[in-house]
Each structure stands twice: as structure tokens, then as C-alpha cells.
Amino acid sequence: MAFSWLPSKRSDPLFLLDHLIQPLSLGFSLCFLVDFTLFSSSPSSSSPSSSSSQRKMVSIRRATIDDMFSMQQANLSCLPENYQMKYYFYHVLSWPNLSYVAEDDRGNVVGYVLAKMEEDTKEPPHGHITSLAVMRSHRKMGIATRLMDQSAQAMAEIYGAEFVSLHVRVSNRAALTLYRDTLAFSQEGIEEKYYADQEDAYAMKKMLEPGIRKAAEKAAKEAADLEAAKAARKSGVKRGGGGGGSKRGGRGGKGRR
């Protein structure tokens, strides 16, 4: 489905920056920003019993067009990097299976993950987490983990994504702990001045099932090739161990005319 405001795959990436993700807040956010200050380390004000009750009432489902305004409101409430409405539509219409919302028993969206597949890249097929937010009233309930797991599973099963990537502020220790220790992301490097306020970002990556399987198959093939090469060398040594053969020809070895 084509839209006049959407760039084609051949478009200059700067066009995407200028026309799809102009931030609503002050400053300018770079493409595909992810801020995770939402993972506060402060204790929840709700009691254990009320938290348990809330946890049972929150469900995860695929995001639809009807959720766009609620997702934007959650973004504005939780994160400094904000997006125009058409950017949410771009994600949900282009990759309808990758973005999810957390919904309470009253039908209110209390969290979301906005995700996409990376395009125009020489790397293997992979997904990217553009934005993740959970309302303060529903944090520390495992909702962020459930949203991330659901999106990553869809990336692998539907699009064959070999890994998923994201960016996180270097100062956001709580988010780093979540991704590194809970979700098994690895730190791939640092992108300097990634955010609008010039803060650096960690580039993080997690291998998914297609990528894990591909790496295992590659390792198995390399091991088999190595064993075959060893066997061939051993066989060649045995064949050549009986001494040299006589050489034919010489000075008088001219053929008849």
C-alpha cells in the first residue's frame, strides 16, 4: 500500500528524517531513537497484592490503527523523543505484525513497542526497536519484557530476522540492565551524540532464532570442511609414500614424424 508521504526504498535517508520523524518536542531527534528512561529504579508505590492484580489484568496484543493516538500519548508521557502521528502510521501500516500494545482491563493502552524491519542495508535481515514505553502506573510488572519478546518473535517468524537492534542512552543504567541481563542483548558499540541533546547511545543487538540457526549451520559446515581437508591430506601422504616413479622421455624422446 503506497502513501504519498512515504518515501520509496530508493529515497535519500535524509528525506525520511525530514518528513517522517520531525519531533513534537523541542530539539530534533535522530532517526529511530529509543529512550529508556521509563525503566525507573525507584520502588513502585502500589502494594504487592495490587501489583499482582494489575499484572493479571494487563494483556499484550498487536497494535492497530485505532491505537495510534493512545501510543502517541504514552510516548509523550514517558519519553523525551516524540514523533508525529504519521510516523506511527508508517510503522503499523508497513510492518503490521511488529508493533504491540499492553492493555488494561478497561481497554486503556498502558504501554507499547514500536518496531520495524531495517531496509536498504547490506546486513542480514533484521528488526529494530524504534520506541518502547510503559506508563508509570504499570511499571515493574514485566510489561516491557513481554512487549519486547512478542515483537522479536514476530520478527523472526514472519520476516526471518536474524537479529534485532536498538539504541539506548549511555546514562540509562536501568535499561541497560534490562537488555543485557534480562533480554540477553549484547553491546555492539557506541554512537556518539546520537540523541538530540548530544548524549551518546549504546548500540545493542540480540540474535534471533534464524540467525542462531544460520550461525550453527555455518559452524557445522566449516567443521566438516576442515575434517574433509585433513582426511584428504592424510590420504595424499599415504599414496605418495612408495617412492618416485620413472620419468619418460629425455633427449631421445622425440616422436616420429
Protein backbone atom coordinates (compact mmCIF):
# COMPACT_ATOMS: atom_id res chain seq x y z
CA MET A 1 0.00 0.00 0.00
CA ALA A 2 1.58 3.29 -1.07
CA PHE A 3 1.13 6.68 0.53
CA SER A 4 2.24 9.98 -0.94
CA TRP A 5 4.04 10.97 2.25
CA LEU A 6 6.02 7.75 2.49
CA PRO A 7 9.46 7.67 0.83
CA SER A 8 10.31 4.86 -1.55
CA LYS A 9 13.08 2.43 -0.67
CA ARG A 10 15.35 4.35 -3.02
CA SER A 11 14.74 7.68 -1.29
CA ASP A 12 17.52 9.57 0.40
CA PRO A 13 17.52 8.65 4.12
CA LEU A 14 17.60 12.37 4.91
CA PHE A 15 14.16 12.64 3.34
CA LEU A 16 12.93 10.10 5.88
CA LEU A 17 14.46 12.12 8.69
CA ASP A 18 12.98 15.40 7.46
CA HIS A 19 9.48 14.20 6.66
CA LEU A 20 8.70 11.27 8.94
CA ILE A 21 10.15 11.90 12.37
CA GLN A 22 10.17 15.60 13.00
CA PRO A 23 9.81 15.63 16.79
CA LEU A 24 6.93 17.28 18.52
CA SER A 25 9.14 18.30 21.43
CA LEU A 26 11.91 20.91 21.35
CA GLY A 27 15.06 19.90 19.52
CA PHE A 28 15.47 17.37 16.77
CA SER A 29 15.52 13.61 17.30
CA LEU A 30 17.61 11.41 15.08
CA CYS A 31 16.01 8.57 13.16
CA PHE A 32 14.85 5.58 15.14
CA LEU A 33 15.57 6.98 18.57
CA VAL A 34 14.90 4.80 21.55
CA ASP A 35 14.95 6.26 25.04
CA PHE A 36 14.54 4.01 28.01
CA THR A 37 14.37 6.36 30.99
CA LEU A 38 10.99 4.76 31.57
CA PHE A 39 12.68 1.94 33.48
CA SER A 40 12.90 3.72 36.78
CA SER A 41 14.76 2.07 39.62
CA SER A 42 12.51 3.65 42.23
CA PRO A 43 10.17 1.25 44.02
CA SER A 44 6.56 1.04 42.94
CA SER A 45 4.04 2.80 45.15
CA SER A 46 1.48 0.03 44.78
CA SER A 47 1.32 -2.84 47.23
CA PRO A 48 2.38 -6.39 46.20
CA SER A 49 -1.22 -7.53 46.15
CA SER A 50 -2.38 -4.68 43.92
CA SER A 51 0.63 -5.19 41.59
CA SER A 52 -0.22 -8.86 41.26
CA SER A 53 -3.82 -7.99 40.46
CA GLN A 54 -2.75 -5.45 37.84
CA ARG A 55 -0.34 -7.93 36.27
CA LYS A 56 -3.16 -10.38 35.69
CA MET A 57 -5.33 -7.71 34.09
CA VAL A 58 -2.79 -6.46 31.54
CA SER A 59 -2.80 -8.18 28.15
CA ILE A 60 -0.47 -7.87 25.17
CA ARG A 61 -1.94 -7.62 21.70
CA ARG A 62 -0.95 -6.44 18.24
CA ALA A 63 -1.23 -2.69 17.70
CA THR A 64 -3.84 -1.41 15.23
CA ILE A 65 -4.63 1.91 13.61
CA ASP A 66 -7.10 2.58 16.42
CA ASP A 67 -4.23 2.50 18.95
CA MET A 68 -2.14 5.21 17.32
CA PHE A 69 -3.35 8.12 19.44
CA SER A 70 -3.02 6.13 22.67
CA MET A 71 0.51 5.08 21.72
CA GLN A 72 1.45 8.67 20.99
CA GLN A 73 0.07 9.78 24.35
CA ALA A 74 2.10 7.11 26.13
CA ASN A 75 5.16 8.27 24.23
CA LEU A 76 4.58 11.91 25.20
CA SER A 77 4.09 10.91 28.84
CA CYS A 78 7.18 8.71 29.09
CA LEU A 79 9.87 9.76 26.63
CA PRO A 80 11.65 12.95 25.53
CA GLU A 81 11.88 11.75 21.91
CA ASN A 82 8.48 12.19 20.31
CA TYR A 83 7.12 11.54 16.83
CA GLN A 84 4.45 12.91 14.55
CA MET A 85 1.36 10.77 14.12
CA LYS A 86 2.26 9.78 10.58
CA TYR A 87 5.39 8.05 11.88
CA TYR A 88 3.25 5.67 13.94
CA PHE A 89 1.08 5.02 10.90
CA TYR A 90 4.21 4.36 8.84
CA HIS A 91 5.29 1.60 11.23
CA VAL A 92 1.92 -0.04 11.72
CA LEU A 93 0.96 0.03 8.03
CA SER A 94 4.38 -1.08 6.77
CA TRP A 95 5.03 -3.77 9.39
CA PRO A 96 1.61 -4.56 10.91
CA ASN A 97 2.89 -7.60 12.81
CA LEU A 98 5.73 -5.99 14.75
CA SER A 99 4.22 -3.30 17.00
CA TYR A 100 2.30 -4.26 20.14
CA VAL A 101 0.40 -2.59 22.96
CA ALA A 102 -0.22 -3.51 26.58
CA GLU A 103 -3.88 -3.01 27.50
CA ASP A 104 -5.50 -2.99 30.93
CA ASP A 105 -8.90 -4.46 31.77
CA ARG A 106 -10.62 -1.17 30.93
CA GLY A 107 -9.16 -1.09 27.43
CA ASN A 108 -6.56 1.59 28.17
CA VAL A 109 -3.18 1.36 26.48
CA VAL A 110 -0.58 1.35 29.27
CA GLY A 111 2.47 0.52 27.17
CA TYR A 112 3.65 -0.13 23.65
CA VAL A 113 6.56 -1.20 21.49
CA LEU A 114 7.04 0.37 18.07
CA ALA A 115 9.18 -1.79 15.81
CA LYS A 116 10.19 -2.23 12.17
CA MET A 117 12.37 -4.19 9.82
CA GLU A 118 15.53 -2.44 8.66
CA GLU A 119 15.65 -1.81 4.92
CA ASP A 120 18.30 -0.75 2.40
CA THR A 121 21.09 -2.40 4.35
CA LYS A 122 23.86 -4.81 3.40
CA GLU A 123 23.41 -6.66 6.68
CA PRO A 124 21.27 -9.80 7.01
CA PRO A 125 17.52 -9.19 7.53
CA HIS A 126 16.97 -7.79 10.99
CA GLY A 127 14.47 -5.82 13.02
CA HIS A 128 14.83 -2.63 15.01
CA ILE A 129 13.07 -1.40 18.14
CA THR A 130 12.17 2.22 17.44
CA SER A 131 10.42 3.08 20.69
CA LEU A 132 9.28 1.40 23.90
CA ALA A 133 7.22 2.94 26.68
CA VAL A 134 5.28 1.79 29.73
CA MET A 135 3.13 4.13 31.78
CA ARG A 136 4.49 4.83 35.25
CA SER A 137 1.43 3.26 36.90
CA HIS A 138 2.23 -0.10 35.29
CA ARG A 139 6.00 -0.37 35.55
CA LYS A 140 7.92 -3.16 37.27
CA MET A 141 5.33 -5.69 36.15
CA GLY A 142 7.33 -7.26 33.32
CA ILE A 143 5.32 -5.49 30.64
CA ALA A 144 8.34 -4.14 28.78
CA THR A 145 9.84 -7.63 28.59
CA ARG A 146 6.59 -9.12 27.30
CA LEU A 147 6.27 -6.43 24.64
CA MET A 148 9.87 -6.93 23.50
CA ASP A 149 9.58 -10.72 23.39
CA GLN A 150 6.37 -10.59 21.35
CA SER A 151 7.84 -8.20 18.79
CA ALA A 152 11.12 -10.14 18.47
CA GLN A 153 9.23 -13.40 17.98
CA ALA A 154 7.18 -11.85 15.16
CA MET A 155 10.34 -10.51 13.51
CA ALA A 156 11.87 -13.98 13.47
CA GLU A 157 8.79 -15.98 12.48
CA ILE A 158 7.28 -13.65 9.88
CA TYR A 159 10.25 -11.83 8.38
CA GLY A 160 13.09 -14.25 9.12
CA ALA A 161 15.00 -11.60 11.08
CA GLU A 162 18.39 -12.88 12.18
CA PHE A 163 18.73 -10.32 14.96
CA VAL A 164 17.08 -7.27 16.50
CA SER A 165 18.82 -4.00 17.26
CA LEU A 166 18.13 -0.93 19.40
CA HIS A 167 19.78 2.15 20.87
CA VAL A 168 19.80 3.23 24.50
CA ARG A 169 21.26 6.21 26.33
CA VAL A 170 24.62 5.51 27.97
CA SER A 171 23.30 7.07 31.18
CA ASN A 172 20.26 4.78 31.39
CA ARG A 173 21.61 2.10 33.69
CA ALA A 174 18.21 0.54 34.39
CA ALA A 175 17.51 -0.01 30.71
CA LEU A 176 21.00 -1.41 30.14
CA THR A 177 20.40 -3.91 32.92
CA LEU A 178 17.07 -4.93 31.38
CA TYR A 179 18.52 -5.51 27.92
CA ARG A 180 21.82 -7.03 28.92
CA ASP A 181 20.75 -9.20 31.86
CA THR A 182 17.08 -9.97 31.20
CA LEU A 183 16.73 -9.91 27.42
CA ALA A 184 20.27 -11.07 26.52
CA PHE A 185 21.20 -8.14 24.29
CA SER A 186 24.89 -7.52 23.70
CA GLN A 187 26.58 -4.15 23.41
CA GLU A 188 27.95 -3.67 19.90
CA GLY A 189 29.40 -0.18 20.17
CA ILE A 190 28.75 3.48 20.95
CA GLU A 191 27.19 6.01 18.60
CA GLU A 192 28.38 9.44 19.63
CA LYS A 193 25.89 12.30 20.02
CA TYR A 194 23.06 10.05 18.89
CA TYR A 195 20.34 11.91 20.78
CA ALA A 196 19.05 15.43 20.25
CA ASP A 197 20.69 16.58 23.49
CA GLN A 198 24.03 15.21 22.20
CA GLU A 199 24.13 12.25 24.59
CA ASP A 200 25.81 9.11 23.27
CA ALA A 201 23.92 5.87 22.70
CA TYR A 202 24.86 2.25 23.09
CA ALA A 203 24.09 0.20 20.00
CA MET A 204 22.74 -3.15 21.20
CA LYS A 205 21.91 -6.38 19.42
CA LYS A 206 20.23 -9.70 20.14
CA MET A 207 20.44 -12.77 17.94
CA LEU A 208 17.12 -14.38 16.99
CA GLU A 209 16.36 -17.98 16.06
CA PRO A 210 17.02 -17.67 12.29
CA GLY A 211 20.39 -16.06 12.99
CA ILE A 212 21.30 -18.60 15.67
CA ARG A 213 20.38 -21.45 13.35
CA LYS A 214 22.32 -19.93 10.45
CA ALA A 215 25.42 -19.46 12.63
CA ALA A 216 25.19 -23.07 13.85
CA GLU A 217 24.88 -24.38 10.28
CA LYS A 218 27.85 -22.29 9.20
CA ALA A 219 29.96 -23.58 12.08
CA ALA A 220 28.98 -27.18 11.31
CA LYS A 221 29.88 -26.75 7.64
CA GLU A 222 33.24 -25.21 8.48
CA ALA A 223 33.99 -28.09 10.86
CA ALA A 224 33.01 -30.65 8.20
CA ASP A 225 35.18 -28.91 5.59
CA LEU A 226 38.12 -28.91 7.98
CA GLU A 227 37.77 -32.63 8.65
CA ALA A 228 37.48 -33.33 4.93
CA ALA A 229 40.66 -31.33 4.26
CA LYS A 230 42.52 -33.24 6.96
CA ALA A 231 41.36 -36.58 5.53
CA ALA A 232 42.43 -35.54 2.03
CA ARG A 233 45.91 -34.55 3.22
CA LYS A 234 46.30 -37.81 5.13
CA SER A 235 45.23 -39.83 2.11
CA GLY A 236 47.67 -37.94 -0.14
CA VAL A 237 50.58 -38.70 2.18
CA LYS A 238 49.80 -42.42 2.10
CA ARG A 239 49.59 -42.54 -1.69
CA GLY A 240 52.88 -40.73 -2.20
CA GLY A 241 54.88 -42.76 0.30
CA GLY A 242 56.09 -45.53 -2.14
CA GLY A 243 58.96 -43.67 -3.79
CA GLY A 244 59.23 -41.76 -7.06
CA GLY A 245 58.19 -43.14 -10.43
CA SER A 246 60.38 -43.22 -13.57
CA LYS A 247 60.33 -40.26 -15.93
CA ARG A 248 59.57 -40.88 -19.57
CA GLY A 249 61.16 -39.07 -22.43
CA GLY A 250 64.56 -37.37 -22.32
CA ARG A 251 66.92 -36.44 -25.07
CA GLY A 252 65.91 -39.22 -27.37
CA GLY A 253 62.24 -38.92 -26.66
CA LYS A 254 61.23 -37.20 -29.88
CA GLY A 255 58.18 -38.57 -31.51
CA ARG A 256 58.02 -39.97 -35.01
CA ARG A 257 57.17 -37.73 -37.88
